[in-house]
C-alpha atoms as a PDB file:
ATOM      1  CA  UNK A   1      75.910  89.598  99.933  1.00  0.00           C
ATOM      2  CA  UNK A   2      72.513  90.850  99.562  1.00  0.00           C
ATOM      3  CA  UNK A   3      69.977  87.598  98.262  1.00  0.00           C
ATOM      4  CA  UNK A   4      67.108  90.331  97.275  1.00  0.00           C
ATOM      5  CA  UNK A   5      69.353  92.926  95.408  1.00  0.00           C
ATOM      6  CA  UNK A   6      70.899  89.930  93.442  1.00  0.00           C
ATOM      7  CA  UNK A   7      67.807  88.380  92.578  1.00  0.00           C
ATOM      8  CA  UNK A   8      66.718  91.657  90.976  1.00  0.00           C
ATOM      9  CA  UNK A   9      70.325  92.214  89.035  1.00  0.00           C
ATOM     10  CA  UNK A  10      70.575  92.318  85.422  1.00  0.00           C
ATOM     11  CA  UNK A  11      73.011  89.983  84.325  1.00  0.00           C
ATOM     12  CA  UNK A  12      76.515  91.482  83.164  1.00  0.00           C
ATOM     13  CA  UNK A  13      79.708  89.969  81.998  1.00  0.00           C
ATOM     14  CA  UNK A  14      82.835  92.289  81.292  1.00  0.00           C
ATOM     15  CA  UNK A  15      84.960  91.290  78.747  1.00  0.00           C
ATOM     16  CA  UNK A  16      88.354  92.027  77.428  1.00  0.00           C
ATOM     17  CA  UNK A  17      89.638  91.062  74.180  1.00  0.00           C
ATOM     18  CA  UNK A  18      93.120  91.003  73.633  1.00  0.00           C
ATOM     19  CA  UNK A  19      95.051  93.823  71.619  1.00  0.00           C
ATOM     20  CA  UNK A  20      99.163  94.095  71.436  1.00  0.00           C
ATOM     21  CA  UNK A  21     101.718  94.844  73.948  1.00  0.00           C
ATOM     22  CA  UNK A  22     104.545  97.906  73.379  1.00  0.00           C
ATOM     23  CA  UNK A  23     105.563  96.536  70.935  1.00  0.00           C
ATOM     24  CA  UNK A  24     102.831  95.809  69.152  1.00  0.00           C
ATOM     25  CA  UNK A  25     103.367  92.035  69.852  1.00  0.00           C
ATOM     26  CA  UNK A  26      99.733  90.012  70.393  1.00  0.00           C
ATOM     27  CA  UNK A  27      98.268  89.775  74.101  1.00  0.00           C
ATOM     28  CA  UNK A  28      99.553  86.442  75.044  1.00  0.00           C
ATOM     29  CA  UNK A  29      95.565  86.043  76.656  1.00  0.00           C
ATOM     30  CA  UNK A  30      92.755  86.897  73.565  1.00  0.00           C
ATOM     31  CA  UNK A  31      89.837  86.839  75.956  1.00  0.00           C
ATOM     32  CA  UNK A  32      88.697  87.470  79.829  1.00  0.00           C
ATOM     33  CA  UNK A  33      85.440  87.243  80.712  1.00  0.00           C
ATOM     34  CA  UNK A  34      84.506  89.027  84.578  1.00  0.00           C
ATOM     35  CA  UNK A  35      81.037  88.564  86.289  1.00  0.00           C
ATOM     36  CA  UNK A  36      79.076  90.389  88.984  1.00  0.00           C
ATOM     37  CA  UNK A  37      80.650  90.393  92.428  1.00  0.00           C
ATOM     38  CA  UNK A  38      83.983  89.098  91.144  1.00  0.00           C
ATOM     39  CA  UNK A  39      87.502  90.793  92.380  1.00  0.00           C
ATOM     40  CA  UNK A  40      89.922  90.759  89.253  1.00  0.00           C
ATOM     41  CA  UNK A  41      93.462  91.954  90.213  1.00  0.00           C
ATOM     42  CA  UNK A  42      95.853  93.470  88.138  1.00  0.00           C
ATOM     43  CA  UNK A  43      99.516  93.306  88.606  1.00  0.00           C
ATOM     44  CA  UNK A  44     102.769  93.927  87.269  1.00  0.00           C
ATOM     45  CA  UNK A  45     106.423  96.164  87.743  1.00  0.00           C
ATOM     46  CA  UNK A  46     106.231  99.408  87.220  1.00  0.00           C
ATOM     47  CA  UNK A  47     105.452 100.711  83.576  1.00  0.00           C
ATOM     48  CA  UNK A  48     103.957  97.170  82.652  1.00  0.00           C
ATOM     49  CA  UNK A  49     100.766  98.892  81.221  1.00  0.00           C
ATOM     50  CA  UNK A  50      98.075  97.832  84.553  1.00  0.00           C
ATOM     51  CA  UNK A  51      96.933 101.721  84.362  1.00  0.00           C
ATOM     52  CA  UNK A  52      96.602 101.756  80.539  1.00  0.00           C
ATOM     53  CA  UNK A  53      94.679  98.205  80.822  1.00  0.00           C
ATOM     54  CA  UNK A  54      92.263  99.843  83.440  1.00  0.00           C
ATOM     55  CA  UNK A  55      91.880 103.182  81.309  1.00  0.00           C
ATOM     56  CA  UNK A  56      90.825 100.880  78.140  1.00  0.00           C
ATOM     57  CA  UNK A  57      88.374  99.250  80.906  1.00  0.00           C
ATOM     58  CA  UNK A  58      86.806 102.869  81.591  1.00  0.00           C
ATOM     59  CA  UNK A  59      86.768 104.165  78.026  1.00  0.00           C
ATOM     60  CA  UNK A  60      85.223 100.842  77.128  1.00  0.00           C
ATOM     61  CA  UNK A  61      88.059 100.573  74.335  1.00  0.00           C
ATOM     62  CA  UNK A  62      86.938  99.422  70.834  1.00  0.00           C
ATOM     63  CA  UNK A  63      90.481  99.124  69.124  1.00  0.00           C
ATOM     64  CA  UNK A  64      90.815 102.940  69.047  1.00  0.00           C
ATOM     65  CA  UNK A  65      93.354 103.310  72.194  1.00  0.00           C
ATOM     66  CA  UNK A  66      97.226 102.438  71.750  1.00  0.00           C
ATOM     67  CA  UNK A  67      96.577  99.047  72.999  1.00  0.00           C
ATOM     68  CA  UNK A  68      93.991  98.024  70.492  1.00  0.00           C
ATOM     69  CA  UNK A  69      92.071  95.758  72.935  1.00  0.00           C
ATOM     70  CA  UNK A  70      88.284  95.893  72.627  1.00  0.00           C
ATOM     71  CA  UNK A  71      85.552  95.863  75.750  1.00  0.00           C
ATOM     72  CA  UNK A  72      82.521  94.419  75.595  1.00  0.00           C
ATOM     73  CA  UNK A  73      79.333  93.924  77.566  1.00  0.00           C
ATOM     74  CA  UNK A  74      77.172  90.884  77.601  1.00  0.00           C
ATOM     75  CA  UNK A  75      79.458  89.678  74.288  1.00  0.00           C
ATOM     76  CA  UNK A  76      78.636  92.365  72.522  1.00  0.00           C
ATOM     77  CA  UNK A  77      80.132  96.375  72.079  1.00  0.00           C
ATOM     78  CA  UNK A  78      78.304  98.899  74.338  1.00  0.00           C
ATOM     79  CA  UNK A  79      76.088 101.166  72.967  1.00  0.00           C
ATOM     80  CA  UNK A  80      77.676 103.993  71.533  1.00  0.00           C
ATOM     81  CA  UNK A  81      75.933 106.728  74.758  1.00  0.00           C
ATOM     82  CA  UNK A  82      77.403 104.130  77.163  1.00  0.00           C
ATOM     83  CA  UNK A  83      80.213 105.766  76.315  1.00  0.00           C
ATOM     84  CA  UNK A  84      79.847 109.449  75.670  1.00  0.00           C
ATOM     85  CA  UNK A  85      76.867 110.113  77.778  1.00  0.00           C
ATOM     86  CA  UNK A  86      78.028 110.521  81.525  1.00  0.00           C
ATOM     87  CA  UNK A  87      74.555 109.677  82.751  1.00  0.00           C
ATOM     88  CA  UNK A  88      74.983 106.207  81.869  1.00  0.00           C
ATOM     89  CA  UNK A  89      78.020 105.693  82.658  1.00  0.00           C
ATOM     90  CA  UNK A  90      78.672 101.865  83.775  1.00  0.00           C
ATOM     91  CA  UNK A  91      82.380 102.587  85.501  1.00  0.00           C
ATOM     92  CA  UNK A  92      82.972 104.058  88.751  1.00  0.00           C
ATOM     93  CA  UNK A  93      86.599 104.758  89.377  1.00  0.00           C
ATOM     94  CA  UNK A  94      88.523 105.241  92.734  1.00  0.00           C
ATOM     95  CA  UNK A  95      92.195 106.104  92.775  1.00  0.00           C
ATOM     96  CA  UNK A  96      94.854 106.653  95.800  1.00  0.00           C
ATOM     97  CA  UNK A  97      94.421 110.334  95.179  1.00  0.00           C
ATOM     98  CA  UNK A  98      90.598 112.063  95.988  1.00  0.00           C
ATOM     99  CA  UNK A  99      89.225 114.802  97.495  1.00  0.00           C
ATOM    100  CA  UNK A 100      86.278 116.795  97.219  1.00  0.00           C
ATOM    101  CA  UNK A 101      85.967 120.119  95.827  1.00  0.00           C
ATOM    102  CA  UNK A 102      82.373 120.766  96.304  1.00  0.00           C
ATOM    103  CA  UNK A 103      81.147 123.134  99.475  1.00  0.00           C
ATOM    104  CA  UNK A 104      78.486 121.091 100.711  1.00  0.00           C
ATOM    105  CA  UNK A 105      77.969 119.155 103.702  1.00  0.00           C
ATOM    106  CA  UNK A 106      78.396 114.888 103.373  1.00  0.00           C
ATOM    107  CA  UNK A 107      74.685 114.924 103.697  1.00  0.00           C
ATOM    108  CA  UNK A 108      73.688 117.512 101.603  1.00  0.00           C
ATOM    109  CA  UNK A 109      76.076 115.284  99.140  1.00  0.00           C
ATOM    110  CA  UNK A 110      74.806 112.133  99.427  1.00  0.00           C
ATOM    111  CA  UNK A 111      71.278 113.381  99.417  1.00  0.00           C
ATOM    112  CA  UNK A 112      71.589 115.214  95.997  1.00  0.00           C
ATOM    113  CA  UNK A 113      73.048 111.822  94.712  1.00  0.00           C
ATOM    114  CA  UNK A 114      70.509 109.982  95.640  1.00  0.00           C
ATOM    115  CA  UNK A 115      67.925 111.988  94.323  1.00  0.00           C
ATOM    116  CA  UNK A 116      69.764 112.232  90.902  1.00  0.00           C
ATOM    117  CA  UNK A 117      69.386 108.521  90.989  1.00  0.00           C
ATOM    118  CA  UNK A 118      65.962 108.418  91.899  1.00  0.00           C
ATOM    119  CA  UNK A 119      66.915 106.665  95.344  1.00  0.00           C
ATOM    120  CA  UNK A 120      65.556 106.507  98.497  1.00  0.00           C
ATOM    121  CA  UNK A 121      65.904 109.729 100.414  1.00  0.00           C
ATOM    122  CA  UNK A 122      66.913 107.914 103.680  1.00  0.00           C
ATOM    123  CA  UNK A 123      69.946 105.923 101.760  1.00  0.00           C
ATOM    124  CA  UNK A 124      72.541 108.671 102.834  1.00  0.00           C
ATOM    125  CA  UNK A 125      72.587 107.302 106.496  1.00  0.00           C
ATOM    126  CA  UNK A 126      73.062 104.097 105.030  1.00  0.00           C
ATOM    127  CA  UNK A 127      76.018 105.143 103.004  1.00  0.00           C
ATOM    128  CA  UNK A 128      78.019 107.334 106.575  1.00  0.00           C
ATOM    129  CA  UNK A 129      77.428 103.990 108.590  1.00  0.00           C
ATOM    130  CA  UNK A 130      79.022 101.599 105.687  1.00  0.00           C
ATOM    131  CA  UNK A 131      81.411 104.536 105.310  1.00  0.00           C
ATOM    132  CA  UNK A 132      82.334 104.527 108.906  1.00  0.00           C
ATOM    133  CA  UNK A 133      83.158 100.960 109.267  1.00  0.00           C
ATOM    134  CA  UNK A 134      86.156 101.276 106.521  1.00  0.00           C
ATOM    135  CA  UNK A 135      88.090 104.286 108.140  1.00  0.00           C
ATOM    136  CA  UNK A 136      89.046 104.950 111.901  1.00  0.00           C
ATOM    137  CA  UNK A 137      88.355 108.415 111.307  1.00  0.00           C
ATOM    138  CA  UNK A 138      84.492 108.835 111.910  1.00  0.00           C
ATOM    139  CA  UNK A 139      82.307 110.557 109.187  1.00  0.00           C
ATOM    140  CA  UNK A 140      79.832 113.275 110.804  1.00  0.00           C
ATOM    141  CA  UNK A 141      76.658 113.873 108.235  1.00  0.00           C
ATOM    142  CA  UNK A 142      77.279 117.617 109.130  1.00  0.00           C
ATOM    143  CA  UNK A 143      81.081 117.453 108.175  1.00  0.00           C
ATOM    144  CA  UNK A 144      82.071 119.726 104.820  1.00  0.00           C
ATOM    145  CA  UNK A 145      83.106 117.421 102.199  1.00  0.00           C
ATOM    146  CA  UNK A 146      86.303 120.068 101.427  1.00  0.00           C
ATOM    147  CA  UNK A 147      87.552 119.289 104.976  1.00  0.00           C
ATOM    148  CA  UNK A 148      87.567 115.473 105.180  1.00  0.00           C
ATOM    149  CA  UNK A 149      90.619 113.638 104.918  1.00  0.00           C
ATOM    150  CA  UNK A 150      91.909 110.959 101.792  1.00  0.00           C
ATOM    151  CA  UNK A 151      91.082 108.464 104.066  1.00  0.00           C
ATOM    152  CA  UNK A 152      87.547 109.722 105.205  1.00  0.00           C
ATOM    153  CA  UNK A 153      87.090 110.927 101.036  1.00  0.00           C
ATOM    154  CA  UNK A 154      87.521 107.677  99.522  1.00  0.00           C
ATOM    155  CA  UNK A 155      85.826 105.524 102.554  1.00  0.00           C
ATOM    156  CA  UNK A 156      82.630 107.566 101.694  1.00  0.00           C
ATOM    157  CA  UNK A 157      83.157 107.488  97.805  1.00  0.00           C
ATOM    158  CA  UNK A 158      83.342 103.709  98.561  1.00  0.00           C
ATOM    159  CA  UNK A 159      80.274 103.049 100.752  1.00  0.00           C
ATOM    160  CA  UNK A 160      78.340 105.385  98.327  1.00  0.00           C
ATOM    161  CA  UNK A 161      79.288 103.753  94.887  1.00  0.00           C
ATOM    162  CA  UNK A 162      78.233 100.225  97.143  1.00  0.00           C
ATOM    163  CA  UNK A 163      74.945 101.882  97.981  1.00  0.00           C
ATOM    164  CA  UNK A 164      73.777 104.535  95.613  1.00  0.00           C
ATOM    165  CA  UNK A 165      75.640 104.624  92.493  1.00  0.00           C
ATOM    166  CA  UNK A 166      74.263 102.465  89.540  1.00  0.00           C
ATOM    167  CA  UNK A 167      77.118 101.759  88.290  1.00  0.00           C
ATOM    168  CA  UNK A 168      77.966  98.251  88.008  1.00  0.00           C
ATOM    169  CA  UNK A 169      81.609  98.177  86.964  1.00  0.00           C
ATOM    170  CA  UNK A 170      84.148  99.580  89.926  1.00  0.00           C
ATOM    171  CA  UNK A 171      87.932 100.284  88.533  1.00  0.00           C
ATOM    172  CA  UNK A 172      91.018 100.561  91.612  1.00  0.00           C
ATOM    173  CA  UNK A 173      93.771 102.364  90.938  1.00  0.00           C
ATOM    174  CA  UNK A 174      96.482 101.325  93.909  1.00  0.00           C
ATOM    175  CA  UNK A 175      94.589 101.829  97.231  1.00  0.00           C
ATOM    176  CA  UNK A 176      97.311 100.098  99.303  1.00  0.00           C
ATOM    177  CA  UNK A 177      98.048 103.297 100.934  1.00  0.00           C
ATOM    178  CA  UNK A 178      94.626 104.923 100.793  1.00  0.00           C
ATOM    179  CA  UNK A 179      93.986 105.261 104.373  1.00  0.00           C
ATOM    180  CA  UNK A 180      90.863 102.856 104.281  1.00  0.00           C
ATOM    181  CA  UNK A 181      90.287  99.170 105.161  1.00  0.00           C
ATOM    182  CA  UNK A 182      91.015  97.569 101.935  1.00  0.00           C
ATOM    183  CA  UNK A 183      89.533  94.108 102.343  1.00  0.00           C
ATOM    184  CA  UNK A 184      86.459  95.678 103.632  1.00  0.00           C
ATOM    185  CA  UNK A 185      85.988  98.097 100.732  1.00  0.00           C
ATOM    186  CA  UNK A 186      86.120  95.283  98.073  1.00  0.00           C
ATOM    187  CA  UNK A 187      84.523  92.946  99.817  1.00  0.00           C
ATOM    188  CA  UNK A 188      81.457  95.500 100.133  1.00  0.00           C
ATOM    189  CA  UNK A 189      81.692  96.521  96.415  1.00  0.00           C
ATOM    190  CA  UNK A 190      81.451  92.995  95.489  1.00  0.00           C
ATOM    191  CA  UNK A 191      78.825  91.759  97.812  1.00  0.00           C
ATOM    192  CA  UNK A 192      76.771  94.673  96.166  1.00  0.00           C
ATOM    193  CA  UNK A 193      77.181  92.746  92.919  1.00  0.00           C
ATOM    194  CA  UNK A 194      80.102  95.128  91.313  1.00  0.00           C
ATOM    195  CA  UNK A 195      82.986  93.771  88.968  1.00  0.00           C
ATOM    196  CA  UNK A 196      85.689  94.741  90.595  1.00  0.00           C
ATOM    197  CA  UNK A 197      88.947  95.359  89.075  1.00  0.00           C
ATOM    198  CA  UNK A 198      91.911  96.234  91.350  1.00  0.00           C
ATOM    199  CA  UNK A 199      95.124  97.362  90.110  1.00  0.00           C
ATOM    200  CA  UNK A 200      97.829  96.244  92.757  1.00  0.00           C
ATOM    201  CA  UNK A 201     100.921  96.259  93.998  1.00  0.00           C
ATOM    202  CA  UNK A 202      99.533  94.550  97.410  1.00  0.00           C
ATOM    203  CA  UNK A 203      99.823  91.381  98.279  1.00  0.00           C
ATOM    204  CA  UNK A 204      96.705  90.757 100.257  1.00  0.00           C
ATOM    205  CA  UNK A 205      94.613  92.439  97.846  1.00  0.00           C
ATOM    206  CA  UNK A 206      96.434  90.664  94.989  1.00  0.00           C
ATOM    207  CA  UNK A 207      95.752  86.959  96.504  1.00  0.00           C
ATOM    208  CA  UNK A 208      92.513  88.176  97.843  1.00  0.00           C
ATOM    209  CA  UNK A 209      91.301  88.480  93.825  1.00  0.00           C
ATOM    210  CA  UNK A 210      89.784  85.488  92.456  1.00  0.00           C
ATOM    211  CA  UNK A 211      92.049  85.564  89.671  1.00  0.00           C
ATOM    212  CA  UNK A 212      94.867  88.130  88.319  1.00  0.00           C
ATOM    213  CA  UNK A 213      95.526  89.641  85.133  1.00  0.00           C
ATOM    214  CA  UNK A 214      99.678  89.906  85.016  1.00  0.00           C
ATOM    215  CA  UNK A 215     100.914  92.772  83.034  1.00  0.00           C
ATOM    216  CA  UNK A 216     104.374  92.908  81.190  1.00  0.00           C
ATOM    217  CA  UNK A 217     105.084  95.399  78.740  1.00  0.00           C
ATOM    218  CA  UNK A 218     102.012  96.739  78.378  1.00  0.00           C
ATOM    219  CA  UNK A 219     100.792  93.582  77.384  1.00  0.00           C
ATOM    220  CA  UNK A 220      98.678  90.488  78.827  1.00  0.00           C
ATOM    221  CA  UNK A 221     100.743  87.932  79.737  1.00  0.00           C
ATOM    222  CA  UNK A 222      98.672  85.410  81.922  1.00  0.00           C
ATOM    223  CA  UNK A 223      95.847  85.237  83.835  1.00  0.00           C
ATOM    224  CA  UNK A 224      96.247  83.487  87.428  1.00  0.00           C
ATOM    225  CA  UNK A 225      93.619  82.051  89.375  1.00  0.00           C
ATOM    226  CA  UNK A 226      93.833  82.242  93.340  1.00  0.00           C
ATOM    227  CA  UNK A 227      95.185  78.680  94.395  1.00  0.00           C
ATOM    228  CA  UNK A 228      93.569  77.329  97.822  1.00  0.00           C
ATOM    229  CA  UNK A 229      97.688  77.556  99.000  1.00  0.00           C
ATOM    230  CA  UNK A 230      97.302  80.925  97.833  1.00  0.00           C
ATOM    231  CA  UNK A 231      93.956  81.799  99.615  1.00  0.00           C
ATOM    232  CA  UNK A 232      95.131  80.301 102.669  1.00  0.00           C
ATOM    233  CA  UNK A 233      98.476  82.409 102.370  1.00  0.00           C
ATOM    234  CA  UNK A 234      95.940  85.507 102.518  1.00  0.00           C
ATOM    235  CA  UNK A 235      93.883  85.295 105.913  1.00  0.00           C
ATOM    236  CA  UNK A 236      97.573  84.533 107.128  1.00  0.00           C
ATOM    237  CA  UNK A 237      98.283  88.101 105.951  1.00  0.00           C
ATOM    238  CA  UNK A 238      94.734  89.678 107.006  1.00  0.00           C
ATOM    239  CA  UNK A 239      95.427  88.625 110.458  1.00  0.00           C
ATOM    240  CA  UNK A 240      98.675  90.137 110.921  1.00  0.00           C
ATOM    241  CA  UNK A 241      97.226  93.487 108.723  1.00  0.00           C
ATOM    242  CA  UNK A 242      94.376  93.468 111.352  1.00  0.00           C
ATOM    243  CA  UNK A 243      97.244  93.554 114.193  1.00  0.00           C
ATOM    244  CA  UNK A 244      98.613  96.430 112.268  1.00  0.00           C
ATOM    245  CA  UNK A 245      95.565  98.216 111.948  1.00  0.00           C
ATOM    246  CA  UNK A 246      94.416  97.771 115.826  1.00  0.00           C
ATOM    247  CA  UNK A 247      98.016  98.555 116.795  1.00  0.00           C
ATOM    248  CA  UNK A 248      97.607 101.967 114.335  1.00  0.00           C
ATOM    249  CA  UNK A 249      94.518 102.702 116.432  1.00  0.00           C
ATOM    250  CA  UNK A 250      95.916 102.148 119.657  1.00  0.00           C
ATOM    251  CA  UNK A 251      99.159 104.804 119.061  1.00  0.00           C
ATOM    252  CA  UNK A 252      97.025 107.025 117.335  1.00  0.00           C
ATOM    253  CA  UNK A 253      94.489 107.756 120.379  1.00  0.00           C
ATOM    254  CA  UNK A 254      97.571 108.141 122.043  1.00  0.00           C
ATOM    255  CA  UNK A 255      97.471 105.042 124.442  1.00  0.00           C
ATOM    256  CA  UNK A 256     100.074 102.699 125.875  1.00  0.00           C
ATOM    257  CA  UNK A 257     101.283  99.564 123.307  1.00  0.00           C
ATOM    258  CA  UNK A 258     100.693  96.422 125.569  1.00  0.00           C
END
């Protein structure tokens, strides 16, 4: 993690206050506090309310969504403009299905974004360099955004959020089949001091998180802290995943598997 960057960051705490499940019964969890650099997983079966929970966070719900949950920033309700003004948005969101529609080059897009944020014009080079560590399909600065694959698009957006975006909260909805190096992406974002909330069915991503919120019938049923034993299991899974990634790349390049 960048120590100088962290020293200049403002403290930030995201708090989720419990609401109700699909039957109107209170969440079993009254309150969850999440700090900078933390990765939080959201797990549960299909239809359990995982996407509803991140939608509550994305909207900074104030008891005005079906769940009745409330979201606090640094212990207080966010100012109204943080909910309504896109320029002041504190949340960036990544999903499994992402493609660019703008007809411009990668470099031009990143320069425009950096300029709009008042950032150094040299940052696009860093973004592309980082993006290329997350995908096996190299991104060239001259590539048009519209020709990027799904994996390239997501890798570019992860690097852009990490380096250029001011949004301190990142919501990720099921990127297990997103064509990028998933755990490296989460490490990059949390290492830049982002609060990372990831909806996942992937055991590796779930165990990579420091805690995971378990959803059932639309409600938050419990919060599990990742144990030392689970962390060891994660490391074992990560080694297997790294081997499979290397194997996929060997086959993709038309080489013989030895």
